[in-house]
Amino acid sequence: MSRSVAVIGGGAIGLSIAWRAAQAGWSVTVHDPAPASGASWVAGGMLAPLSEGWPGEDAVLQVGAASLARWPDFGAELETLSGETLFTSHGSLTVALDAADAADLRTVAEWIAGQGYELELLSRAQIRAAQPSLAPNIRLALLAATESAVDNRALIAALRSACTRSGVEFVAEAVTDPAAVAADQVVVSAGTASARLWPGLPVRPVKGEILRLHRRPGVAPAPTMTIRGSVHGRPVYLVPRGDGLVVGATQHESGEDTQVTVAGVRDLIADAQTLMPSIGEYELHECAAGLRPMSPDNLPIIGRVSDRVVLATGHGRNGVLLTPLTADAVVAELDGAPLAEAKSASPERFTFNDE
């Protein structure tokens, strides 16, 4: 007996759900007037739940680590199906420029170790040996060897290819009412737009600006792993790509605004150059901004909210990281057997309207 599901939203989350649901035997349609044009298109692609951990955020760490563990098989399957190369680096390095940042790194390392994961502190000399393009005044770094990064745009292309191969149909129209969609089940995975589709859903947009830089001939090569740090209290990251780097990302509570600002570009370039002095010789290829769908507690919202509707949104800065776990969790919900690893992301932790 045929079972149908409509997935509202064609970003990395929606496409991965559609692909996995089709593999599980569902008849799937994806509803999005412009797939892959939202936050997924301008993501950094970091898979870094350990190095971004902080004491007290146990649930955020556990959900992120559970998804990171799925990425090797998930990514390999996608690469085989699509021919795309997804992984751009392996390992991430969080660096400290001053004593306060160094103290924070030690705090994170100790807490992560207590949670059963391993990070390694590197001295100034070890940093220079491992990543010679970084600034010589970096005093300490935290190495997460099991983390990695993926090319977000290659991921989108791979997921679209996998969906097409699995028989997923695409409907290039916006949905304004999930109840009006003709399907047995509906998955709302429309990023920040999800809040307009389900009354009271606590998801808000947070703008993030990124830069894409291309390495020019004769310029020092990019780091071989993701580099994260804080400059003047502003977080900055450098994520390797085949042709250069992605630099990100600003954070602005500015509603639906997706315009790139001069100040945002200025700060990103200055902060990135503080970590990697030679970056000023790279080509500034693209400036872009996207809207992260943020929840109040930095956990995604994944789970059933009615007999017919399942939510998959609120992933904030971790949409790419949480893609495989979210897909597995939603398919489990559709089959009536919720995934234990996604329990802390349940919508039940919030009170909002149902159908």
Foldseek 3Di string as FASTA:
>chain_A
DAAEEEEEAQALQSLLLLLVLLVVRHAYEYEALDHHPFPLVQAQFWLDLLQPDDPPLVLSSLLSVVLLVVPVVVVVVLCVQQVFDWFQFFKEKEFDQDDVQVVRSVRSQVVSVVVPAHKDKDALVRCCVQFVQWDSNTGIMIMDRSITGTDSVSSSSSSVSSSVVSNYHYDNHHDQEPVPDPGQAYEYAHAQCSCSHFPPAQWFWKKWKKWDWFADPPFDADRRGKYWYADPNRIWIWGDDPGHTMIIIDTHRDGPDWDDDPVGVVVRVVVVCNTGVRSVNIHGDDMTMHIGTAGPSQAFEFADDDSHYTYTYRNGSCCSSSNVVRSVQNSCRVVVHGDPSCVVNYPVVDDGDGD
